[in-house]
């Protein structure tokens, strides 16, 4: 059983930056692909970014490419999502998740690919 706890969500103005954190416990963090999803009100949960088990490769949704950066530190069992040039359409609850089954990192994971979820952290971007 892996427990994931997100933090760092806040209210920020458009153009600003936030850094989300995901702290993992209860498992071997490096066994998992680490993925960030987000869900806006009335919308389905969508993929944001993913990073391979040891951080060698990353993949981003087109909507955040060039603005967001995903990273992980397996020694500290943590992951981060650095979000720059934020837009009002980035407003959502952001979730970190881990996937235990191997897949090509450039593919888009489905909700069913996720083994464990965090509780989410709210990001609100004002215009």
Foldseek 3Di string as FASTA:
>chain_A
DKAKAKDWADEEAAQAKTKMKIAIDDDQQLLWKKFKWWDDPPGDIFTAKIAHSQRPDMEGDPVQPPFWDKDDDSVRRMIMIIGGRDDQVVWTWMKMFTANDDDDRHDTDDPVRTDDIYPTGTHGYHD
